[in-house]
Amino acid sequence: STTIEYALPIDKRVTVRIYNMMGQVVKTLVNDEFQKAGRHRVVWDGTNEAGVRVASGTYIYSLEFGKYKKTKRMMLLK
């Protein structure tokens, strides 16, 4: 599993998603939830929406709130 940490400058609705390298959504960790300003963290256990473990490889996570979108790459190793 991996922990994704982020900080919000203001109270906003937030979405955090994991994508594969083809741009397909693997798992939605936070789905348009209202969160207060400050530091937050969410854990991805390496599974997809169906609860099935995904293959090792490179994945992208995105953090979206308001008009802001940040993406980063990460490696999943088994």
PDB file of N, CA and C in Angstrom:
ATOM      1  N   SER A   1       0.848  -1.188   0.000  1.00  0.00           N
ATOM      2  CA  SER A   1       0.000   0.000   0.000  1.00  0.00           C
ATOM      3  C   SER A   1       0.884   1.239   0.000  1.00  0.00           C
ATOM      4  N   THR A   2       0.294   2.357  -0.347  1.00  0.00           N
ATOM      5  CA  THR A   2       1.006   3.626  -0.340  1.00  0.00           C
ATOM      6  C   THR A   2       0.097   4.710   0.209  1.00  0.00           C
ATOM      7  N   THR A   3       0.699   5.692   0.837  1.00  0.00           N
ATOM      8  CA  THR A   3      -0.048   6.811   1.391  1.00  0.00           C
ATOM      9  C   THR A   3       0.198   8.044   0.542  1.00  0.00           C
ATOM     10  N   ILE A   4      -0.874   8.669   0.116  1.00  0.00           N
ATOM     11  CA  ILE A   4      -0.795   9.908  -0.652  1.00  0.00           C
ATOM     12  C   ILE A   4      -1.163  11.036   0.284  1.00  0.00           C
ATOM     13  N   GLU A   5      -0.243  11.982   0.441  1.00  0.00           N
ATOM     14  CA  GLU A   5      -0.471  13.118   1.324  1.00  0.00           C
ATOM     15  C   GLU A   5      -0.610  14.381   0.494  1.00  0.00           C
ATOM     16  N   TYR A   6      -1.499  15.268   0.920  1.00  0.00           N
ATOM     17  CA  TYR A   6      -1.698  16.535   0.220  1.00  0.00           C
ATOM     18  C   TYR A   6      -2.188  17.593   1.195  1.00  0.00           C
ATOM     19  N   ALA A   7      -2.015  18.845   0.806  1.00  0.00           N
ATOM     20  CA  ALA A   7      -2.436  19.970   1.633  1.00  0.00           C
ATOM     21  C   ALA A   7      -3.382  20.846   0.822  1.00  0.00           C
ATOM     22  N   LEU A   8      -4.479  21.251   1.444  1.00  0.00           N
ATOM     23  CA  LEU A   8      -5.442  22.136   0.802  1.00  0.00           C
ATOM     24  C   LEU A   8      -5.301  23.539   1.381  1.00  0.00           C
ATOM     25  N   PRO A   9      -5.190  24.560   0.522  1.00  0.00           N
ATOM     26  CA  PRO A   9      -5.073  25.926   1.022  1.00  0.00           C
ATOM     27  C   PRO A   9      -6.403  26.490   1.532  1.00  0.00           C
ATOM     28  N   ILE A  10      -7.528  25.953   1.032  1.00  0.00           N
ATOM     29  CA  ILE A  10      -8.862  26.412   1.436  1.00  0.00           C
ATOM     30  C   ILE A  10      -9.794  25.208   1.517  1.00  0.00           C
ATOM     31  N   ASP A  11     -10.950  25.394   2.152  1.00  0.00           N
ATOM     32  CA  ASP A  11     -11.965  24.339   2.197  1.00  0.00           C
ATOM     33  C   ASP A  11     -12.484  24.114   0.780  1.00  0.00           C
ATOM     34  N   LYS A  12     -12.490  22.872   0.326  1.00  0.00           N
ATOM     35  CA  LYS A  12     -12.926  22.568  -1.049  1.00  0.00           C
ATOM     36  C   LYS A  12     -13.421  21.141  -1.152  1.00  0.00           C
ATOM     37  N   ARG A  13     -14.128  20.864  -2.242  1.00  0.00           N
ATOM     38  CA  ARG A  13     -14.499  19.497  -2.607  1.00  0.00           C
ATOM     39  C   ARG A  13     -13.306  18.884  -3.337  1.00  0.00           C
ATOM     40  N   VAL A  14     -12.941  17.658  -2.968  1.00  0.00           N
ATOM     41  CA  VAL A  14     -11.706  17.035  -3.448  1.00  0.00           C
ATOM     42  C   VAL A  14     -12.006  15.676  -4.086  1.00  0.00           C
ATOM     43  N   THR A  15     -11.240  15.369  -5.146  1.00  0.00           N
ATOM     44  CA  THR A  15     -11.280  14.052  -5.761  1.00  0.00           C
ATOM     45  C   THR A  15      -9.838  13.560  -5.925  1.00  0.00           C
ATOM     46  N   VAL A  16      -9.584  12.315  -5.511  1.00  0.00           N
ATOM     47  CA  VAL A  16      -8.278  11.685  -5.696  1.00  0.00           C
ATOM     48  C   VAL A  16      -8.513  10.368  -6.426  1.00  0.00           C
ATOM     49  N   ARG A  17      -7.860  10.224  -7.598  1.00  0.00           N
ATOM     50  CA  ARG A  17      -8.029   9.017  -8.403  1.00  0.00           C
ATOM     51  C   ARG A  17      -6.682   8.427  -8.790  1.00  0.00           C
ATOM     52  N   ILE A  18      -6.678   7.104  -8.985  1.00  0.00           N
ATOM     53  CA  ILE A  18      -5.513   6.382  -9.490  1.00  0.00           C
ATOM     54  C   ILE A  18      -5.827   5.973 -10.932  1.00  0.00           C
ATOM     55  N   TYR A  19      -4.868   6.217 -11.837  1.00  0.00           N
ATOM     56  CA  TYR A  19      -5.026   5.856 -13.259  1.00  0.00           C
ATOM     57  C   TYR A  19      -3.903   4.916 -13.663  1.00  0.00           C
ATOM     58  N   ASN A  20      -4.176   4.065 -14.664  1.00  0.00           N
ATOM     59  CA  ASN A  20      -3.095   3.290 -15.257  1.00  0.00           C
ATOM     60  C   ASN A  20      -2.446   4.134 -16.349  1.00  0.00           C
ATOM     61  N   MET A  21      -1.422   3.615 -17.002  1.00  0.00           N
ATOM     62  CA  MET A  21      -0.688   4.399 -17.994  1.00  0.00           C
ATOM     63  C   MET A  21      -1.482   4.610 -19.282  1.00  0.00           C
ATOM     64  N   MET A  22      -2.612   3.939 -19.439  1.00  0.00           N
ATOM     65  CA  MET A  22      -3.469   4.157 -20.597  1.00  0.00           C
ATOM     66  C   MET A  22      -4.535   5.214 -20.307  1.00  0.00           C
ATOM     67  N   GLY A  23      -4.498   5.772 -19.094  1.00  0.00           N
ATOM     68  CA  GLY A  23      -5.442   6.820 -18.729  1.00  0.00           C
ATOM     69  C   GLY A  23      -6.769   6.324 -18.194  1.00  0.00           C
ATOM     70  N   GLN A  24      -6.870   5.025 -17.931  1.00  0.00           N
ATOM     71  CA  GLN A  24      -8.101   4.464 -17.392  1.00  0.00           C
ATOM     72  C   GLN A  24      -8.101   4.576 -15.867  1.00  0.00           C
ATOM     73  N   VAL A  25      -9.260   4.913 -15.299  1.00  0.00           N
ATOM     74  CA  VAL A  25      -9.371   5.005 -13.846  1.00  0.00           C
ATOM     75  C   VAL A  25      -9.268   3.606 -13.257  1.00  0.00           C
ATOM     76  N   VAL A  26      -8.336   3.441 -12.333  1.00  0.00           N
ATOM     77  CA  VAL A  26      -8.154   2.172 -11.633  1.00  0.00           C
ATOM     78  C   VAL A  26      -8.971   2.183 -10.348  1.00  0.00           C
ATOM     79  N   LYS A  27      -8.870   3.296  -9.602  1.00  0.00           N
ATOM     80  CA  LYS A  27      -9.605   3.393  -8.343  1.00  0.00           C
ATOM     81  C   LYS A  27      -9.797   4.861  -7.969  1.00  0.00           C
ATOM     82  N   THR A  28     -10.958   5.170  -7.435  1.00  0.00           N
ATOM     83  CA  THR A  28     -11.239   6.493  -6.896  1.00  0.00           C
ATOM     84  C   THR A  28     -11.120   6.388  -5.384  1.00  0.00           C
ATOM     85  N   LEU A  29     -10.178   7.129  -4.813  1.00  0.00           N
ATOM     86  CA  LEU A  29      -9.935   7.066  -3.372  1.00  0.00           C
ATOM     87  C   LEU A  29     -10.777   8.084  -2.606  1.00  0.00           C
ATOM     88  N   VAL A  30     -10.948   9.258  -3.189  1.00  0.00           N
ATOM     89  CA  VAL A  30     -11.788  10.314  -2.611  1.00  0.00           C
ATOM     90  C   VAL A  30     -12.662  10.809  -3.749  1.00  0.00           C
ATOM     91  N   ASN A  31     -13.983  10.777  -3.571  1.00  0.00           N
ATOM     92  CA  ASN A  31     -14.887  11.118  -4.662  1.00  0.00           C
ATOM     93  C   ASN A  31     -15.700  12.372  -4.344  1.00  0.00           C
ATOM     94  N   ASP A  32     -15.171  13.527  -4.751  1.00  0.00           N
ATOM     95  CA  ASP A  32     -15.879  14.804  -4.621  1.00  0.00           C
ATOM     96  C   ASP A  32     -16.355  15.041  -3.184  1.00  0.00           C
ATOM     97  N   GLU A  33     -15.478  14.793  -2.227  1.00  0.00           N
ATOM     98  CA  GLU A  33     -15.802  14.983  -0.807  1.00  0.00           C
ATOM     99  C   GLU A  33     -15.356  16.363  -0.338  1.00  0.00           C
ATOM    100  N   PHE A  34     -16.170  16.995   0.495  1.00  0.00           N
ATOM    101  CA  PHE A  34     -15.792  18.283   1.073  1.00  0.00           C
ATOM    102  C   PHE A  34     -14.745  18.047   2.156  1.00  0.00           C
ATOM    103  N   GLN A  35     -13.623  18.769   2.050  1.00  0.00           N
ATOM    104  CA  GLN A  35     -12.567  18.666   3.053  1.00  0.00           C
ATOM    105  C   GLN A  35     -12.120  20.060   3.462  1.00  0.00           C
ATOM    106  N   LYS A  36     -11.761  20.190   4.707  1.00  0.00           N
ATOM    107  CA  LYS A  36     -11.295  21.478   5.233  1.00  0.00           C
ATOM    108  C   LYS A  36      -9.846  21.721   4.835  1.00  0.00           C
ATOM    109  N   ALA A  37      -9.452  22.985   4.851  1.00  0.00           N
ATOM    110  CA  ALA A  37      -8.069  23.357   4.551  1.00  0.00           C
ATOM    111  C   ALA A  37      -7.128  22.649   5.528  1.00  0.00           C
ATOM    112  N   GLY A  38      -5.943  22.313   5.038  1.00  0.00           N
ATOM    113  CA  GLY A  38      -4.957  21.647   5.881  1.00  0.00           C
ATOM    114  C   GLY A  38      -4.412  20.406   5.213  1.00  0.00           C
ATOM    115  N   ARG A  39      -3.679  19.622   5.997  1.00  0.00           N
ATOM    116  CA  ARG A  39      -3.022  18.412   5.473  1.00  0.00           C
ATOM    117  C   ARG A  39      -3.977  17.225   5.568  1.00  0.00           C
ATOM    118  N   HIS A  40      -3.934  16.402   4.529  1.00  0.00           N
ATOM    119  CA  HIS A  40      -4.769  15.207   4.472  1.00  0.00           C
ATOM    120  C   HIS A  40      -3.936  14.060   3.925  1.00  0.00           C
ATOM    121  N   ARG A  41      -4.396  12.848   4.162  1.00  0.00           N
ATOM    122  CA  ARG A  41      -3.725  11.673   3.611  1.00  0.00           C
ATOM    123  C   ARG A  41      -4.774  10.619   3.293  1.00  0.00           C
ATOM    124  N   VAL A  42      -4.473   9.837   2.258  1.00  0.00           N
ATOM    125  CA  VAL A  42      -5.340   8.748   1.848  1.00  0.00           C
ATOM    126  C   VAL A  42      -4.441   7.569   1.468  1.00  0.00           C
ATOM    127  N   VAL A  43      -4.898   6.349   1.751  1.00  0.00           N
ATOM    128  CA  VAL A  43      -4.097   5.147   1.514  1.00  0.00           C
ATOM    129  C   VAL A  43      -4.691   4.368   0.342  1.00  0.00           C
ATOM    130  N   TRP A  44      -3.816   3.974  -0.587  1.00  0.00           N
ATOM    131  CA  TRP A  44      -4.206   3.073  -1.676  1.00  0.00           C
ATOM    132  C   TRP A  44      -3.576   1.725  -1.406  1.00  0.00           C
ATOM    133  N   ASP A  45      -4.400   0.702  -1.373  1.00  0.00           N
ATOM    134  CA  ASP A  45      -3.929  -0.652  -1.041  1.00  0.00           C
ATOM    135  C   ASP A  45      -3.540  -1.490  -2.268  1.00  0.00           C
ATOM    136  N   GLY A  46      -3.437  -0.868  -3.437  1.00  0.00           N
ATOM    137  CA  GLY A  46      -3.014  -1.592  -4.634  1.00  0.00           C
ATOM    138  C   GLY A  46      -4.118  -2.386  -5.300  1.00  0.00           C
ATOM    139  N   THR A  47      -5.375  -2.058  -4.986  1.00  0.00           N
ATOM    140  CA  THR A  47      -6.501  -2.754  -5.607  1.00  0.00           C
ATOM    141  C   THR A  47      -7.269  -1.813  -6.526  1.00  0.00           C
ATOM    142  N   ASN A  48      -8.082  -2.408  -7.413  1.00  0.00           N
ATOM    143  CA  ASN A  48      -8.929  -1.602  -8.285  1.00  0.00           C
ATOM    144  C   ASN A  48     -10.304  -1.428  -7.643  1.00  0.00           C
ATOM    145  N   GLU A  49     -11.247  -0.879  -8.396  1.00  0.00           N
ATOM    146  CA  GLU A  49     -12.593  -0.628  -7.857  1.00  0.00           C
ATOM    147  C   GLU A  49     -13.298  -1.917  -7.422  1.00  0.00           C
ATOM    148  N   ALA A  50     -12.955  -3.047  -8.058  1.00  0.00           N
ATOM    149  CA  ALA A  50     -13.581  -4.328  -7.715  1.00  0.00           C
ATOM    150  C   ALA A  50     -12.893  -5.019  -6.538  1.00  0.00           C
ATOM    151  N   GLY A  51     -11.823  -4.405  -6.008  1.00  0.00           N
ATOM    152  CA  GLY A  51     -11.105  -4.999  -4.893  1.00  0.00           C
ATOM    153  C   GLY A  51     -10.048  -6.009  -5.306  1.00  0.00           C
ATOM    154  N   VAL A  52      -9.769  -6.091  -6.609  1.00  0.00           N
ATOM    155  CA  VAL A  52      -8.777  -7.025  -7.134  1.00  0.00           C
ATOM    156  C   VAL A  52      -7.417  -6.347  -7.186  1.00  0.00           C
ATOM    157  N   ARG A  53      -6.378  -7.052  -6.738  1.00  0.00           N
ATOM    158  CA  ARG A  53      -5.021  -6.495  -6.781  1.00  0.00           C
ATOM    159  C   ARG A  53      -4.606  -6.224  -8.219  1.00  0.00           C
ATOM    160  N   VAL A  54      -4.028  -5.055  -8.447  1.00  0.00           N
ATOM    161  CA  VAL A  54      -3.574  -4.690  -9.793  1.00  0.00           C
ATOM    162  C   VAL A  54      -2.126  -5.122  -9.981  1.00  0.00           C
ATOM    163  N   ALA A  55      -1.680  -5.151 -11.220  1.00  0.00           N
ATOM    164  CA  ALA A  55      -0.327  -5.586 -11.554  1.00  0.00           C
ATOM    165  C   ALA A  55       0.704  -4.549 -11.126  1.00  0.00           C
ATOM    166  N   SER A  56       1.927  -5.014 -10.903  1.00  0.00           N
ATOM    167  CA  SER A  56       3.035  -4.095 -10.647  1.00  0.00           C
ATOM    168  C   SER A  56       3.219  -3.208 -11.870  1.00  0.00           C
ATOM    169  N   GLY A  57       3.681  -2.001 -11.642  1.00  0.00           N
ATOM    170  CA  GLY A  57       3.922  -1.099 -12.763  1.00  0.00           C
ATOM    171  C   GLY A  57       3.782   0.349 -12.350  1.00  0.00           C
ATOM    172  N   THR A  58       3.729   1.211 -13.351  1.00  0.00           N
ATOM    173  CA  THR A  58       3.626   2.651 -13.128  1.00  0.00           C
ATOM    174  C   THR A  58       2.166   3.076 -13.154  1.00  0.00           C
ATOM    175  N   TYR A  59       1.782   3.861 -12.178  1.00  0.00           N
ATOM    176  CA  TYR A  59       0.430   4.399 -12.078  1.00  0.00           C
ATOM    177  C   TYR A  59       0.520   5.905 -11.855  1.00  0.00           C
ATOM    178  N   ILE A  60      -0.567   6.581 -12.111  1.00  0.00           N
ATOM    179  CA  ILE A  60      -0.640   8.030 -11.935  1.00  0.00           C
ATOM    180  C   ILE A  60      -1.753   8.316 -10.938  1.00  0.00           C
ATOM    181  N   TYR A  61      -1.496   9.220 -10.007  1.00  0.00           N
ATOM    182  CA  TYR A  61      -2.600   9.657  -9.160  1.00  0.00           C
ATOM    183  C   TYR A  61      -2.865  11.122  -9.434  1.00  0.00           C
ATOM    184  N   SER A  62      -4.125  11.499  -9.332  1.00  0.00           N
ATOM    185  CA  SER A  62      -4.498  12.894  -9.552  1.00  0.00           C
ATOM    186  C   SER A  62      -5.246  13.416  -8.343  1.00  0.00           C
ATOM    187  N   LEU A  63      -4.964  14.658  -8.023  1.00  0.00           N
ATOM    188  CA  LEU A  63      -5.641  15.392  -6.961  1.00  0.00           C
ATOM    189  C   LEU A  63      -6.359  16.546  -7.635  1.00  0.00           C
ATOM    190  N   GLU A  64      -7.672  16.620  -7.472  1.00  0.00           N
ATOM    191  CA  GLU A  64      -8.459  17.677  -8.102  1.00  0.00           C
ATOM    192  C   GLU A  64      -9.293  18.394  -7.054  1.00  0.00           C
ATOM    193  N   PHE A  65      -9.231  19.715  -7.075  1.00  0.00           N
ATOM    194  CA  PHE A  65     -10.152  20.519  -6.279  1.00  0.00           C
ATOM    195  C   PHE A  65     -10.314  21.868  -6.966  1.00  0.00           C
ATOM    196  N   GLY A  66     -11.569  22.292  -7.117  1.00  0.00           N
ATOM    197  CA  GLY A  66     -11.841  23.517  -7.870  1.00  0.00           C
ATOM    198  C   GLY A  66     -11.327  23.357  -9.290  1.00  0.00           C
ATOM    199  N   LYS A  67     -10.590  24.342  -9.774  1.00  0.00           N
ATOM    200  CA  LYS A  67     -10.006  24.289 -11.116  1.00  0.00           C
ATOM    201  C   LYS A  67      -8.569  23.765 -11.090  1.00  0.00           C
ATOM    202  N   TYR A  68      -8.118  23.320  -9.929  1.00  0.00           N
ATOM    203  CA  TYR A  68      -6.751  22.841  -9.751  1.00  0.00           C
ATOM    204  C   TYR A  68      -6.699  21.332  -9.968  1.00  0.00           C
ATOM    205  N   LYS A  69      -5.694  20.875 -10.711  1.00  0.00           N
ATOM    206  CA  LYS A  69      -5.470  19.437 -10.891  1.00  0.00           C
ATOM    207  C   LYS A  69      -3.971  19.181 -10.886  1.00  0.00           C
ATOM    208  N   LYS A  70      -3.553  18.279 -10.012  1.00  0.00           N
ATOM    209  CA  LYS A  70      -2.145  17.911  -9.913  1.00  0.00           C
ATOM    210  C   LYS A  70      -2.038  16.415 -10.132  1.00  0.00           C
ATOM    211  N   THR A  71      -1.062  16.002 -10.944  1.00  0.00           N
ATOM    212  CA  THR A  71      -0.839  14.581 -11.178  1.00  0.00           C
ATOM    213  C   THR A  71       0.614  14.233 -10.879  1.00  0.00           C
ATOM    214  N   LYS A  72       0.808  13.011 -10.412  1.00  0.00           N
ATOM    215  CA  LYS A  72       2.160  12.499 -10.155  1.00  0.00           C
ATOM    216  C   LYS A  72       2.185  11.025 -10.493  1.00  0.00           C
ATOM    217  N   ARG A  73       3.379  10.567 -10.866  1.00  0.00           N
ATOM    218  CA  ARG A  73       3.578   9.149 -11.156  1.00  0.00           C
ATOM    219  C   ARG A  73       4.073   8.420  -9.924  1.00  0.00           C
ATOM    220  N   MET A  74       3.729   7.126  -9.871  1.00  0.00           N
ATOM    221  CA  MET A  74       4.238   6.283  -8.786  1.00  0.00           C
ATOM    222  C   MET A  74       4.391   4.867  -9.304  1.00  0.00           C
ATOM    223  N   MET A  75       5.282   4.133  -8.681  1.00  0.00           N
ATOM    224  CA  MET A  75       5.518   2.732  -9.036  1.00  0.00           C
ATOM    225  C   MET A  75       4.882   1.831  -7.984  1.00  0.00           C
ATOM    226  N   LEU A  76       4.182   0.822  -8.468  1.00  0.00           N
ATOM    227  CA  LEU A  76       3.626  -0.200  -7.580  1.00  0.00           C
ATOM    228  C   LEU A  76       4.488  -1.443  -7.755  1.00  0.00           C
ATOM    229  N   LEU A  77       5.113  -1.867  -6.665  1.00  0.00           N
ATOM    230  CA  LEU A  77       5.970  -3.059  -6.679  1.00  0.00           C
ATOM    231  C   LEU A  77       5.366  -4.100  -5.748  1.00  0.00           C
ATOM    232  N   LYS A  78       5.425  -5.344  -6.174  1.00  0.00           N
ATOM    233  CA  LYS A  78       4.900  -6.427  -5.334  1.00  0.00           C
ATOM    234  C   LYS A  78       6.039  -7.263  -4.815  1.00  0.00           C
TER     235      LYS A  78
END
